[in-house]
Amino acid sequence: MVARKVAARLKPDSLTEFTNLMEREILPWLRKQDGFLDLIVLAVPHCREVATISFWDEKANAHFYNSAGYPEALRMLETLLDGPPYVKTFDVVGSTFQGLGLAPPRVQPLLPGARPAQLGFAG
């Protein structure tokens, strides 16, 4: 599973319109995208900074959305944004959300002759 974080700055006094657009248009549209799992929308109180974190079942679907769907989402939001958003994609390696699958852990091989305790592992 992967997560896409999109951080942006809104134009003054547009948080309510942004929130409404996310709930009424973008979220229903996202639910139709292959591999979409969930969306979290964040806002800094009394500030123009917002962020969204979308969860995707696999990298291929997140990358496809980034190239085919994300430009459409930007068009929907362009009148509310005060500059281009910052986008970053993450592997989800831990979560307390129920039902979300995690990316497999990346295992570092042991060096020849190294014991697990030397590498910071107990046991």
PDB file of N, CA and C in Angstrom:
ATOM      1  N   MET A   1       0.851  -1.167   0.000  1.00  0.00           N
ATOM      2  CA  MET A   1       0.000   0.000   0.000  1.00  0.00           C
ATOM      3  C   MET A   1       0.896   1.229   0.000  1.00  0.00           C
ATOM      4  N   VAL A   2       0.427   2.266  -0.684  1.00  0.00           N
ATOM      5  CA  VAL A   2       1.161   3.524  -0.740  1.00  0.00           C
ATOM      6  C   VAL A   2       0.244   4.666  -0.334  1.00  0.00           C
ATOM      7  N   ALA A   3       0.880   5.755   0.077  1.00  0.00           N
ATOM      8  CA  ALA A   3       0.152   6.969   0.439  1.00  0.00           C
ATOM      9  C   ALA A   3       0.736   8.125  -0.356  1.00  0.00           C
ATOM     10  N   ARG A   4      -0.146   8.994  -0.829  1.00  0.00           N
ATOM     11  CA  ARG A   4       0.268  10.204  -1.535  1.00  0.00           C
ATOM     12  C   ARG A   4      -0.082  11.395  -0.653  1.00  0.00           C
ATOM     13  N   LYS A   5       0.909  12.195  -0.326  1.00  0.00           N
ATOM     14  CA  LYS A   5       0.674  13.406   0.449  1.00  0.00           C
ATOM     15  C   LYS A   5       0.749  14.590  -0.502  1.00  0.00           C
ATOM     16  N   VAL A   6      -0.297  15.400  -0.486  1.00  0.00           N
ATOM     17  CA  VAL A   6      -0.336  16.612  -1.292  1.00  0.00           C
ATOM     18  C   VAL A   6      -0.518  17.775  -0.326  1.00  0.00           C
ATOM     19  N   ALA A   7       0.442  18.675  -0.283  1.00  0.00           N
ATOM     20  CA  ALA A   7       0.378  19.845   0.586  1.00  0.00           C
ATOM     21  C   ALA A   7       0.236  21.093  -0.289  1.00  0.00           C
ATOM     22  N   ALA A   8      -0.615  22.015   0.154  1.00  0.00           N
ATOM     23  CA  ALA A   8      -0.859  23.216  -0.639  1.00  0.00           C
ATOM     24  C   ALA A   8      -1.191  24.387   0.272  1.00  0.00           C
ATOM     25  N   ARG A   9      -1.124  25.556  -0.304  1.00  0.00           N
ATOM     26  CA  ARG A   9      -1.525  26.789   0.372  1.00  0.00           C
ATOM     27  C   ARG A   9      -2.749  27.315  -0.371  1.00  0.00           C
ATOM     28  N   LEU A  10      -3.792  27.624   0.395  1.00  0.00           N
ATOM     29  CA  LEU A  10      -5.028  28.129  -0.194  1.00  0.00           C
ATOM     30  C   LEU A  10      -5.004  29.649  -0.303  1.00  0.00           C
ATOM     31  N   LYS A  11      -5.809  30.153  -1.198  1.00  0.00           N
ATOM     32  CA  LYS A  11      -6.023  31.593  -1.248  1.00  0.00           C
ATOM     33  C   LYS A  11      -6.803  31.998   0.008  1.00  0.00           C
ATOM     34  N   PRO A  12      -6.718  33.260   0.404  1.00  0.00           N
ATOM     35  CA  PRO A  12      -7.404  33.693   1.628  1.00  0.00           C
ATOM     36  C   PRO A  12      -8.901  33.365   1.613  1.00  0.00           C
ATOM     37  N   ASP A  13      -9.400  32.962   2.762  1.00  0.00           N
ATOM     38  CA  ASP A  13     -10.829  32.709   2.989  1.00  0.00           C
ATOM     39  C   ASP A  13     -11.430  31.660   2.057  1.00  0.00           C
ATOM     40  N   SER A  14     -10.676  30.651   1.691  1.00  0.00           N
ATOM     41  CA  SER A  14     -11.210  29.633   0.786  1.00  0.00           C
ATOM     42  C   SER A  14     -11.264  28.237   1.407  1.00  0.00           C
ATOM     43  N   LEU A  15     -10.994  28.107   2.704  1.00  0.00           N
ATOM     44  CA  LEU A  15     -10.986  26.793   3.338  1.00  0.00           C
ATOM     45  C   LEU A  15     -12.349  26.114   3.266  1.00  0.00           C
ATOM     46  N   THR A  16     -13.418  26.851   3.533  1.00  0.00           N
ATOM     47  CA  THR A  16     -14.758  26.255   3.481  1.00  0.00           C
ATOM     48  C   THR A  16     -15.074  25.759   2.081  1.00  0.00           C
ATOM     49  N   GLU A  17     -14.767  26.543   1.082  1.00  0.00           N
ATOM     50  CA  GLU A  17     -15.015  26.131  -0.302  1.00  0.00           C
ATOM     51  C   GLU A  17     -14.150  24.919  -0.671  1.00  0.00           C
ATOM     52  N   PHE A  18     -12.902  24.910  -0.210  1.00  0.00           N
ATOM     53  CA  PHE A  18     -12.007  23.771  -0.446  1.00  0.00           C
ATOM     54  C   PHE A  18     -12.592  22.503   0.177  1.00  0.00           C
ATOM     55  N   THR A  19     -13.009  22.599   1.428  1.00  0.00           N
ATOM     56  CA  THR A  19     -13.570  21.443   2.137  1.00  0.00           C
ATOM     57  C   THR A  19     -14.820  20.927   1.437  1.00  0.00           C
ATOM     58  N   ASN A  20     -15.698  21.827   1.033  1.00  0.00           N
ATOM     59  CA  ASN A  20     -16.919  21.423   0.323  1.00  0.00           C
ATOM     60  C   ASN A  20     -16.590  20.744  -1.003  1.00  0.00           C
ATOM     61  N   LEU A  21     -15.656  21.286  -1.740  1.00  0.00           N
ATOM     62  CA  LEU A  21     -15.271  20.704  -3.022  1.00  0.00           C
ATOM     63  C   LEU A  21     -14.665  19.314  -2.822  1.00  0.00           C
ATOM     64  N   MET A  22     -13.843  19.161  -1.783  1.00  0.00           N
ATOM     65  CA  MET A  22     -13.246  17.856  -1.502  1.00  0.00           C
ATOM     66  C   MET A  22     -14.337  16.830  -1.187  1.00  0.00           C
ATOM     67  N   GLU A  23     -15.302  17.197  -0.343  1.00  0.00           N
ATOM     68  CA  GLU A  23     -16.345  16.262   0.084  1.00  0.00           C
ATOM     69  C   GLU A  23     -17.372  15.957  -1.003  1.00  0.00           C
ATOM     70  N   ARG A  24     -17.751  16.955  -1.766  1.00  0.00           N
ATOM     71  CA  ARG A  24     -18.856  16.796  -2.720  1.00  0.00           C
ATOM     72  C   ARG A  24     -18.440  16.359  -4.119  1.00  0.00           C
ATOM     73  N   GLU A  25     -17.219  16.715  -4.517  1.00  0.00           N
ATOM     74  CA  GLU A  25     -16.815  16.396  -5.889  1.00  0.00           C
ATOM     75  C   GLU A  25     -15.592  15.492  -5.972  1.00  0.00           C
ATOM     76  N   ILE A  26     -14.532  15.858  -5.271  1.00  0.00           N
ATOM     77  CA  ILE A  26     -13.280  15.117  -5.439  1.00  0.00           C
ATOM     78  C   ILE A  26     -13.334  13.751  -4.772  1.00  0.00           C
ATOM     79  N   LEU A  27     -13.832  13.652  -3.551  1.00  0.00           N
ATOM     80  CA  LEU A  27     -13.896  12.350  -2.886  1.00  0.00           C
ATOM     81  C   LEU A  27     -14.783  11.359  -3.635  1.00  0.00           C
ATOM     82  N   PRO A  28     -15.998  11.729  -4.051  1.00  0.00           N
ATOM     83  CA  PRO A  28     -16.794  10.775  -4.847  1.00  0.00           C
ATOM     84  C   PRO A  28     -16.082  10.353  -6.136  1.00  0.00           C
ATOM     85  N   TRP A  29     -15.380  11.280  -6.764  1.00  0.00           N
ATOM     86  CA  TRP A  29     -14.628  10.981  -7.974  1.00  0.00           C
ATOM     87  C   TRP A  29     -13.462  10.042  -7.661  1.00  0.00           C
ATOM     88  N   LEU A  30     -12.753  10.291  -6.537  1.00  0.00           N
ATOM     89  CA  LEU A  30     -11.639   9.419  -6.151  1.00  0.00           C
ATOM     90  C   LEU A  30     -12.106   7.991  -5.891  1.00  0.00           C
ATOM     91  N   ARG A  31     -13.278   7.843  -5.305  1.00  0.00           N
ATOM     92  CA  ARG A  31     -13.797   6.501  -4.993  1.00  0.00           C
ATOM     93  C   ARG A  31     -13.997   5.653  -6.244  1.00  0.00           C
ATOM     94  N   LYS A  32     -14.066   6.272  -7.397  1.00  0.00           N
ATOM     95  CA  LYS A  32     -14.218   5.544  -8.662  1.00  0.00           C
ATOM     96  C   LYS A  32     -12.874   5.172  -9.288  1.00  0.00           C
ATOM     97  N   GLN A  33     -11.776   5.647  -8.702  1.00  0.00           N
ATOM     98  CA  GLN A  33     -10.446   5.388  -9.253  1.00  0.00           C
ATOM     99  C   GLN A  33      -9.956   4.009  -8.803  1.00  0.00           C
ATOM    100  N   ASP A  34      -9.379   3.261  -9.730  1.00  0.00           N
ATOM    101  CA  ASP A  34      -8.845   1.930  -9.400  1.00  0.00           C
ATOM    102  C   ASP A  34      -7.797   2.026  -8.300  1.00  0.00           C
ATOM    103  N   GLY A  35      -7.967   1.224  -7.263  1.00  0.00           N
ATOM    104  CA  GLY A  35      -6.977   1.140  -6.207  1.00  0.00           C
ATOM    105  C   GLY A  35      -7.098   2.157  -5.100  1.00  0.00           C
ATOM    106  N   PHE A  36      -8.013   3.111  -5.222  1.00  0.00           N
ATOM    107  CA  PHE A  36      -8.173   4.113  -4.160  1.00  0.00           C
ATOM    108  C   PHE A  36      -8.770   3.455  -2.923  1.00  0.00           C
ATOM    109  N   LEU A  37      -8.200   3.756  -1.743  1.00  0.00           N
ATOM    110  CA  LEU A  37      -8.666   3.173  -0.497  1.00  0.00           C
ATOM    111  C   LEU A  37      -9.289   4.192   0.451  1.00  0.00           C
ATOM    112  N   ASP A  38      -8.629   5.329   0.640  1.00  0.00           N
ATOM    113  CA  ASP A  38      -9.112   6.290   1.628  1.00  0.00           C
ATOM    114  C   ASP A  38      -8.443   7.634   1.410  1.00  0.00           C
ATOM    115  N   LEU A  39      -9.027   8.664   2.023  1.00  0.00           N
ATOM    116  CA  LEU A  39      -8.494  10.021   1.933  1.00  0.00           C
ATOM    117  C   LEU A  39      -8.626  10.695   3.286  1.00  0.00           C
ATOM    118  N   ILE A  40      -7.562  11.360   3.702  1.00  0.00           N
ATOM    119  CA  ILE A  40      -7.575  12.195   4.900  1.00  0.00           C
ATOM    120  C   ILE A  40      -7.297  13.626   4.439  1.00  0.00           C
ATOM    121  N   VAL A  41      -8.121  14.565   4.890  1.00  0.00           N
ATOM    122  CA  VAL A  41      -7.939  15.977   4.550  1.00  0.00           C
ATOM    123  C   VAL A  41      -7.571  16.708   5.830  1.00  0.00           C
ATOM    124  N   LEU A  42      -6.468  17.451   5.793  1.00  0.00           N
ATOM    125  CA  LEU A  42      -5.955  18.158   6.956  1.00  0.00           C
ATOM    126  C   LEU A  42      -5.894  19.656   6.685  1.00  0.00           C
ATOM    127  N   ALA A  43      -6.129  20.445   7.722  1.00  0.00           N
ATOM    128  CA  ALA A  43      -6.000  21.901   7.613  1.00  0.00           C
ATOM    129  C   ALA A  43      -5.376  22.435   8.893  1.00  0.00           C
ATOM    130  N   VAL A  44      -4.483  23.394   8.762  1.00  0.00           N
ATOM    131  CA  VAL A  44      -3.886  24.047   9.924  1.00  0.00           C
ATOM    132  C   VAL A  44      -4.886  25.104  10.396  1.00  0.00           C
ATOM    133  N   PRO A  45      -5.280  25.062  11.681  1.00  0.00           N
ATOM    134  CA  PRO A  45      -6.254  26.043  12.184  1.00  0.00           C
ATOM    135  C   PRO A  45      -5.766  27.488  11.988  1.00  0.00           C
ATOM    136  N   HIS A  46      -6.664  28.336  11.547  1.00  0.00           N
ATOM    137  CA  HIS A  46      -6.399  29.772  11.367  1.00  0.00           C
ATOM    138  C   HIS A  46      -5.223  30.026  10.426  1.00  0.00           C
ATOM    139  N   CYS A  47      -5.083  29.170   9.444  1.00  0.00           N
ATOM    140  CA  CYS A  47      -3.987  29.276   8.486  1.00  0.00           C
ATOM    141  C   CYS A  47      -4.508  28.832   7.122  1.00  0.00           C
ATOM    142  N   ARG A  48      -3.735  29.062   6.087  1.00  0.00           N
ATOM    143  CA  ARG A  48      -4.164  28.693   4.739  1.00  0.00           C
ATOM    144  C   ARG A  48      -3.526  27.397   4.262  1.00  0.00           C
ATOM    145  N   GLU A  49      -2.817  26.710   5.137  1.00  0.00           N
ATOM    146  CA  GLU A  49      -2.125  25.480   4.762  1.00  0.00           C
ATOM    147  C   GLU A  49      -3.048  24.276   4.897  1.00  0.00           C
ATOM    148  N   VAL A  50      -3.101  23.461   3.837  1.00  0.00           N
ATOM    149  CA  VAL A  50      -3.884  22.227   3.835  1.00  0.00           C
ATOM    150  C   VAL A  50      -3.028  21.095   3.292  1.00  0.00           C
ATOM    151  N   ALA A  51      -3.451  19.875   3.600  1.00  0.00           N
ATOM    152  CA  ALA A  51      -2.776  18.701   3.063  1.00  0.00           C
ATOM    153  C   ALA A  51      -3.802  17.591   2.931  1.00  0.00           C
ATOM    154  N   THR A  52      -3.583  16.729   1.979  1.00  0.00           N
ATOM    155  CA  THR A  52      -4.393  15.519   1.849  1.00  0.00           C
ATOM    156  C   THR A  52      -3.447  14.333   1.823  1.00  0.00           C
ATOM    157  N   ILE A  53      -3.916  13.241   2.372  1.00  0.00           N
ATOM    158  CA  ILE A  53      -3.175  11.984   2.299  1.00  0.00           C
ATOM    159  C   ILE A  53      -4.136  10.959   1.727  1.00  0.00           C
ATOM    160  N   SER A  54      -3.819  10.478   0.545  1.00  0.00           N
ATOM    161  CA  SER A  54      -4.657   9.450  -0.076  1.00  0.00           C
ATOM    162  C   SER A  54      -3.916   8.120  -0.002  1.00  0.00           C
ATOM    163  N   PHE A  55      -4.686   7.062   0.213  1.00  0.00           N
ATOM    164  CA  PHE A  55      -4.131   5.713   0.334  1.00  0.00           C
ATOM    165  C   PHE A  55      -4.552   4.896  -0.886  1.00  0.00           C
ATOM    166  N   TRP A  56      -3.594   4.151  -1.426  1.00  0.00           N
ATOM    167  CA  TRP A  56      -3.778   3.373  -2.646  1.00  0.00           C
ATOM    168  C   TRP A  56      -3.306   1.948  -2.410  1.00  0.00           C
ATOM    169  N   ASP A  57      -3.970   1.002  -3.048  1.00  0.00           N
ATOM    170  CA  ASP A  57      -3.657  -0.406  -2.818  1.00  0.00           C
ATOM    171  C   ASP A  57      -2.266  -0.802  -3.299  1.00  0.00           C
ATOM    172  N   GLU A  58      -1.803  -0.184  -4.371  1.00  0.00           N
ATOM    173  CA  GLU A  58      -0.480  -0.519  -4.896  1.00  0.00           C
ATOM    174  C   GLU A  58       0.084   0.660  -5.677  1.00  0.00           C
ATOM    175  N   LYS A  59       1.408   0.634  -5.848  1.00  0.00           N
ATOM    176  CA  LYS A  59       2.111   1.741  -6.506  1.00  0.00           C
ATOM    177  C   LYS A  59       1.604   1.988  -7.919  1.00  0.00           C
ATOM    178  N   ALA A  60       1.314   0.931  -8.659  1.00  0.00           N
ATOM    179  CA  ALA A  60       0.883   1.104 -10.049  1.00  0.00           C
ATOM    180  C   ALA A  60      -0.380   1.956 -10.136  1.00  0.00           C
ATOM    181  N   ASN A  61      -1.350   1.713  -9.256  1.00  0.00           N
ATOM    182  CA  ASN A  61      -2.583   2.505  -9.281  1.00  0.00           C
ATOM    183  C   ASN A  61      -2.340   3.939  -8.838  1.00  0.00           C
ATOM    184  N   ALA A  62      -1.471   4.140  -7.854  1.00  0.00           N
ATOM    185  CA  ALA A  62      -1.146   5.501  -7.414  1.00  0.00           C
ATOM    186  C   ALA A  62      -0.431   6.264  -8.525  1.00  0.00           C
ATOM    187  N   HIS A  63       0.479   5.601  -9.229  1.00  0.00           N
ATOM    188  CA  HIS A  63       1.196   6.256 -10.325  1.00  0.00           C
ATOM    189  C   HIS A  63       0.265   6.563 -11.496  1.00  0.00           C
ATOM    190  N   PHE A  64      -0.644   5.637 -11.790  1.00  0.00           N
ATOM    191  CA  PHE A  64      -1.604   5.900 -12.861  1.00  0.00           C
ATOM    192  C   PHE A  64      -2.476   7.102 -12.517  1.00  0.00           C
ATOM    193  N   TYR A  65      -2.958   7.155 -11.262  1.00  0.00           N
ATOM    194  CA  TYR A  65      -3.756   8.303 -10.826  1.00  0.00           C
ATOM    195  C   TYR A  65      -2.940   9.585 -10.946  1.00  0.00           C
ATOM    196  N   ASN A  66      -1.664   9.534 -10.565  1.00  0.00           N
ATOM    197  CA  ASN A  66      -0.833  10.727 -10.624  1.00  0.00           C
ATOM    198  C   ASN A  66      -0.724  11.276 -12.039  1.00  0.00           C
ATOM    199  N   SER A  67      -0.651  10.393 -13.021  1.00  0.00           N
ATOM    200  CA  SER A  67      -0.499  10.855 -14.406  1.00  0.00           C
ATOM    201  C   SER A  67      -1.827  11.138 -15.093  1.00  0.00           C
ATOM    202  N   ALA A  68      -2.882  10.392 -14.748  1.00  0.00           N
ATOM    203  CA  ALA A  68      -4.153  10.538 -15.458  1.00  0.00           C
ATOM    204  C   ALA A  68      -5.214  11.285 -14.652  1.00  0.00           C
ATOM    205  N   GLY A  69      -5.294  11.060 -13.352  1.00  0.00           N
ATOM    206  CA  GLY A  69      -6.365  11.648 -12.548  1.00  0.00           C
ATOM    207  C   GLY A  69      -5.988  12.921 -11.829  1.00  0.00           C
ATOM    208  N   TYR A  70      -4.768  12.978 -11.311  1.00  0.00           N
ATOM    209  CA  TYR A  70      -4.344  14.136 -10.522  1.00  0.00           C
ATOM    210  C   TYR A  70      -4.455  15.458 -11.284  1.00  0.00           C
ATOM    211  N   PRO A  71      -4.076  15.520 -12.568  1.00  0.00           N
ATOM    212  CA  PRO A  71      -4.249  16.778 -13.299  1.00  0.00           C
ATOM    213  C   PRO A  71      -5.717  17.247 -13.307  1.00  0.00           C
ATOM    214  N   GLU A  72      -6.658  16.316 -13.372  1.00  0.00           N
ATOM    215  CA  GLU A  72      -8.078  16.676 -13.336  1.00  0.00           C
ATOM    216  C   GLU A  72      -8.449  17.249 -11.964  1.00  0.00           C
ATOM    217  N   ALA A  73      -7.960  16.629 -10.902  1.00  0.00           N
ATOM    218  CA  ALA A  73      -8.218  17.141  -9.551  1.00  0.00           C
ATOM    219  C   ALA A  73      -7.649  18.551  -9.399  1.00  0.00           C
ATOM    220  N   LEU A  74      -6.473  18.776  -9.939  1.00  0.00           N
ATOM    221  CA  LEU A  74      -5.884  20.119  -9.878  1.00  0.00           C
ATOM    222  C   LEU A  74      -6.740  21.147 -10.603  1.00  0.00           C
ATOM    223  N   ARG A  75      -7.299  20.752 -11.733  1.00  0.00           N
ATOM    224  CA  ARG A  75      -8.177  21.674 -12.472  1.00  0.00           C
ATOM    225  C   ARG A  75      -9.394  22.045 -11.631  1.00  0.00           C
ATOM    226  N   MET A  76      -9.919  21.086 -10.869  1.00  0.00           N
ATOM    227  CA  MET A  76     -11.072  21.360 -10.017  1.00  0.00           C
ATOM    228  C   MET A  76     -10.721  22.349  -8.898  1.00  0.00           C
ATOM    229  N   LEU A  77      -9.475  22.313  -8.448  1.00  0.00           N
ATOM    230  CA  LEU A  77      -9.057  23.115  -7.300  1.00  0.00           C
ATOM    231  C   LEU A  77      -8.302  24.392  -7.651  1.00  0.00           C
ATOM    232  N   GLU A  78      -7.956  24.588  -8.904  1.00  0.00           N
ATOM    233  CA  GLU A  78      -7.019  25.649  -9.275  1.00  0.00           C
ATOM    234  C   GLU A  78      -7.432  27.043  -8.826  1.00  0.00           C
ATOM    235  N   THR A  79      -8.714  27.338  -8.780  1.00  0.00           N
ATOM    236  CA  THR A  79      -9.137  28.688  -8.374  1.00  0.00           C
ATOM    237  C   THR A  79      -8.965  28.913  -6.871  1.00  0.00           C
ATOM    238  N   LEU A  80      -8.753  27.846  -6.108  1.00  0.00           N
ATOM    239  CA  LEU A  80      -8.610  27.962  -4.653  1.00  0.00           C
ATOM    240  C   LEU A  80      -7.156  27.929  -4.189  1.00  0.00           C
ATOM    241  N   LEU A  81      -6.252  27.478  -5.033  1.00  0.00           N
ATOM    242  CA  LEU A  81      -4.861  27.294  -4.638  1.00  0.00           C
ATOM    243  C   LEU A  81      -4.028  28.538  -4.871  1.00  0.00           C
ATOM    244  N   ASP A  82      -3.150  28.817  -3.914  1.00  0.00           N
ATOM    245  CA  ASP A  82      -2.229  29.945  -3.998  1.00  0.00           C
ATOM    246  C   ASP A  82      -0.841  29.407  -4.331  1.00  0.00           C
ATOM    247  N   GLY A  83      -0.696  28.847  -5.516  1.00  0.00           N
ATOM    248  CA  GLY A  83       0.562  28.259  -5.942  1.00  0.00           C
ATOM    249  C   GLY A  83       0.423  26.764  -6.148  1.00  0.00           C
ATOM    250  N   PRO A  84       1.455  26.163  -6.735  1.00  0.00           N
ATOM    251  CA  PRO A  84       1.399  24.719  -7.012  1.00  0.00           C
ATOM    252  C   PRO A  84       1.537  23.893  -5.736  1.00  0.00           C
ATOM    253  N   PRO A  85       0.822  22.772  -5.654  1.00  0.00           N
ATOM    254  CA  PRO A  85       0.954  21.877  -4.497  1.00  0.00           C
ATOM    255  C   PRO A  85       2.278  21.123  -4.524  1.00  0.00           C
ATOM    256  N   TYR A  86       2.642  20.615  -3.366  1.00  0.00           N
ATOM    257  CA  TYR A  86       3.821  19.764  -3.211  1.00  0.00           C
ATOM    258  C   TYR A  86       3.312  18.336  -3.049  1.00  0.00           C
ATOM    259  N   VAL A  87       3.815  17.409  -3.862  1.00  0.00           N
ATOM    260  CA  VAL A  87       3.334  16.024  -3.858  1.00  0.00           C
ATOM    261  C   VAL A  87       4.491  15.079  -3.538  1.00  0.00           C
ATOM    262  N   LYS A  88       4.227  14.114  -2.673  1.00  0.00           N
ATOM    263  CA  LYS A  88       5.215  13.097  -2.344  1.00  0.00           C
ATOM    264  C   LYS A  88       4.488  11.777  -2.131  1.00  0.00           C
ATOM    265  N   THR A  89       5.085  10.680  -2.600  1.00  0.00           N
ATOM    266  CA  THR A  89       4.497   9.345  -2.449  1.00  0.00           C
ATOM    267  C   THR A  89       5.336   8.536  -1.465  1.00  0.00           C
ATOM    268  N   PHE A  90       4.652   7.815  -0.570  1.00  0.00           N
ATOM    269  CA  PHE A  90       5.294   7.029   0.476  1.00  0.00           C
ATOM    270  C   PHE A  90       4.827   5.577   0.415  1.00  0.00           C
ATOM    271  N   ASP A  91       5.677   4.645   0.818  1.00  0.00           N
ATOM    272  CA  ASP A  91       5.239   3.291   1.132  1.00  0.00           C
ATOM    273  C   ASP A  91       4.650   3.340   2.533  1.00  0.00           C
ATOM    274  N   VAL A  92       3.518   2.701   2.748  1.00  0.00           N
ATOM    275  CA  VAL A  92       2.935   2.615   4.089  1.00  0.00           C
ATOM    276  C   VAL A  92       3.559   1.400   4.763  1.00  0.00           C
ATOM    277  N   VAL A  93       4.345   1.646   5.811  1.00  0.00           N
ATOM    278  CA  VAL A  93       5.044   0.564   6.497  1.00  0.00           C
ATOM    279  C   VAL A  93       4.500   0.308   7.901  1.00  0.00           C
ATOM    280  N   GLY A  94       3.551   1.130   8.335  1.00  0.00           N
ATOM    281  CA  GLY A  94       2.919   0.934   9.633  1.00  0.00           C
ATOM    282  C   GLY A  94       1.639   1.734   9.696  1.00  0.00           C
ATOM    283  N   SER A  95       0.621   1.180  10.354  1.00  0.00           N
ATOM    284  CA  SER A  95      -0.658   1.870  10.466  1.00  0.00           C
ATOM    285  C   SER A  95      -1.488   1.229  11.568  1.00  0.00           C
ATOM    286  N   THR A  96      -2.309   2.043  12.221  1.00  0.00           N
ATOM    287  CA  THR A  96      -3.280   1.512  13.181  1.00  0.00           C
ATOM    288  C   THR A  96      -4.674   1.482  12.591  1.00  0.00           C
ATOM    289  N   PHE A  97      -4.830   1.980  11.356  1.00  0.00           N
ATOM    290  CA  PHE A  97      -6.129   1.906  10.687  1.00  0.00           C
ATOM    291  C   PHE A  97      -6.494   0.453  10.455  1.00  0.00           C
ATOM    292  N   GLN A  98      -7.712   0.091  10.761  1.00  0.00           N
ATOM    293  CA  GLN A  98      -8.175  -1.277  10.565  1.00  0.00           C
ATOM    294  C   GLN A  98      -8.350  -1.558   9.077  1.00  0.00           C
ATOM    295  N   GLY A  99      -7.901  -2.707   8.637  1.00  0.00           N
ATOM    296  CA  GLY A  99      -8.151  -3.148   7.276  1.00  0.00           C
ATOM    297  C   GLY A  99      -7.197  -2.612   6.234  1.00  0.00           C
ATOM    298  N   LEU A 100      -6.226  -1.781   6.609  1.00  0.00           N
ATOM    299  CA  LEU A 100      -5.280  -1.285   5.625  1.00  0.00           C
ATOM    300  C   LEU A 100      -4.100  -2.240   5.547  1.00  0.00           C
ATOM    301  N   GLY A 101      -3.786  -2.685   4.342  1.00  0.00           N
ATOM    302  CA  GLY A 101      -2.631  -3.550   4.159  1.00  0.00           C
ATOM    303  C   GLY A 101      -1.362  -2.732   4.150  1.00  0.00           C
ATOM    304  N   LEU A 102      -0.284  -3.306   4.592  1.00  0.00           N
ATOM    305  CA  LEU A 102       0.982  -2.594   4.666  1.00  0.00           C
ATOM    306  C   LEU A 102       1.935  -3.082   3.606  1.00  0.00           C
ATOM    307  N   ALA A 103       2.859  -2.206   3.237  1.00  0.00           N
ATOM    308  CA  ALA A 103       3.920  -2.601   2.325  1.00  0.00           C
ATOM    309  C   ALA A 103       4.810  -3.605   3.038  1.00  0.00           C
ATOM    310  N   PRO A 104       5.341  -4.583   2.317  1.00  0.00           N
ATOM    311  CA  PRO A 104       6.221  -5.547   2.976  1.00  0.00           C
ATOM    312  C   PRO A 104       7.456  -4.834   3.505  1.00  0.00           C
ATOM    313  N   PRO A 105       7.958  -5.251   4.685  1.00  0.00           N
ATOM    314  CA  PRO A 105       9.134  -4.588   5.244  1.00  0.00           C
ATOM    315  C   PRO A 105      10.355  -4.817   4.375  1.00  0.00           C
ATOM    316  N   ARG A 106      11.224  -3.837   4.362  1.00  0.00           N
ATOM    317  CA  ARG A 106      12.478  -3.981   3.639  1.00  0.00           C
ATOM    318  C   ARG A 106      13.492  -4.567   4.599  1.00  0.00           C
ATOM    319  N   VAL A 107      13.992  -5.733   4.279  1.00  0.00           N
ATOM    320  CA  VAL A 107      14.904  -6.452   5.156  1.00  0.00           C
ATOM    321  C   VAL A 107      16.318  -6.244   4.660  1.00  0.00           C
ATOM    322  N   GLN A 108      17.193  -5.810   5.577  1.00  0.00           N
ATOM    323  CA  GLN A 108      18.596  -5.692   5.223  1.00  0.00           C
ATOM    324  C   GLN A 108      19.282  -7.008   5.515  1.00  0.00           C
ATOM    325  N   PRO A 109      20.062  -7.503   4.581  1.00  0.00           N
ATOM    326  CA  PRO A 109      20.746  -8.778   4.833  1.00  0.00           C
ATOM    327  C   PRO A 109      21.815  -8.606   5.910  1.00  0.00           C
ATOM    328  N   LEU A 110      22.040  -9.678   6.671  1.00  0.00           N
ATOM    329  CA  LEU A 110      23.107  -9.656   7.670  1.00  0.00           C
ATOM    330  C   LEU A 110      24.453  -9.693   6.968  1.00  0.00           C
ATOM    331  N   LEU A 111      25.381  -8.932   7.515  1.00  0.00           N
ATOM    332  CA  LEU A 111      26.743  -8.974   6.992  1.00  0.00           C
ATOM    333  C   LEU A 111      27.383 -10.286   7.419  1.00  0.00           C
ATOM    334  N   PRO A 112      28.288 -10.835   6.628  1.00  0.00           N
ATOM    335  CA  PRO A 112      28.937 -12.089   7.020  1.00  0.00           C
ATOM    336  C   PRO A 112      29.569 -11.942   8.404  1.00  0.00           C
ATOM    337  N   GLY A 113      29.251 -12.859   9.297  1.00  0.00           N
ATOM    338  CA  GLY A 113      29.815 -12.863  10.638  1.00  0.00           C
ATOM    339  C   GLY A 113      29.108 -11.957  11.629  1.00  0.00           C
ATOM    340  N   ALA A 114      28.138 -11.143  11.193  1.00  0.00           N
ATOM    341  CA  ALA A 114      27.430 -10.229  12.091  1.00  0.00           C
ATOM    342  C   ALA A 114      26.343 -10.979  12.825  1.00  0.00           C
ATOM    343  N   ARG A 115      26.172 -10.654  14.084  1.00  0.00           N
ATOM    344  CA  ARG A 115      25.092 -11.221  14.883  1.00  0.00           C
ATOM    345  C   ARG A 115      23.968 -10.189  14.945  1.00  0.00           C
ATOM    346  N   PRO A 116      22.687 -10.615  15.067  1.00  0.00           N
ATOM    347  CA  PRO A 116      21.566  -9.670  15.120  1.00  0.00           C
ATOM    348  C   PRO A 116      21.749  -8.584  16.170  1.00  0.00           C
ATOM    349  N   ALA A 117      22.307  -8.897  17.347  1.00  0.00           N
ATOM    350  CA  ALA A 117      22.472  -7.896  18.400  1.00  0.00           C
ATOM    351  C   ALA A 117      23.417  -6.781  17.960  1.00  0.00           C
ATOM    352  N   GLN A 118      24.387  -7.060  17.101  1.00  0.00           N
ATOM    353  CA  GLN A 118      25.310  -6.044  16.612  1.00  0.00           C
ATOM    354  C   GLN A 118      24.622  -5.053  15.684  1.00  0.00           C
ATOM    355  N   LEU A 119      23.523  -5.444  15.124  1.00  0.00           N
ATOM    356  CA  LEU A 119      22.818  -4.596  14.178  1.00  0.00           C
ATOM    357  C   LEU A 119      21.636  -3.883  14.819  1.00  0.00           C
ATOM    358  N   GLY A 120      21.498  -3.993  16.138  1.00  0.00           N
ATOM    359  CA  GLY A 120      20.409  -3.307  16.823  1.00  0.00           C
ATOM    360  C   GLY A 120      19.175  -4.158  17.012  1.00  0.00           C
ATOM    361  N   PHE A 121      19.249  -5.455  16.712  1.00  0.00           N
ATOM    362  CA  PHE A 121      18.119  -6.346  16.896  1.00  0.00           C
ATOM    363  C   PHE A 121      18.290  -7.092  18.199  1.00  0.00           C
ATOM    364  N   ALA A 122      17.206  -7.286  18.893  1.00  0.00           N
ATOM    365  CA  ALA A 122      17.269  -8.060  20.141  1.00  0.00           C
ATOM    366  C   ALA A 122      17.277  -9.553  19.828  1.00  0.00           C
ATOM    367  N   GLY A 123      17.819 -10.321  20.717  1.00  0.00           N
ATOM    368  CA  GLY A 123      17.661 -11.754  20.592  1.00  0.00           C
ATOM    369  C   GLY A 123      18.879 -12.415  20.194  1.00  0.00           C
TER     370      GLY A 123
END
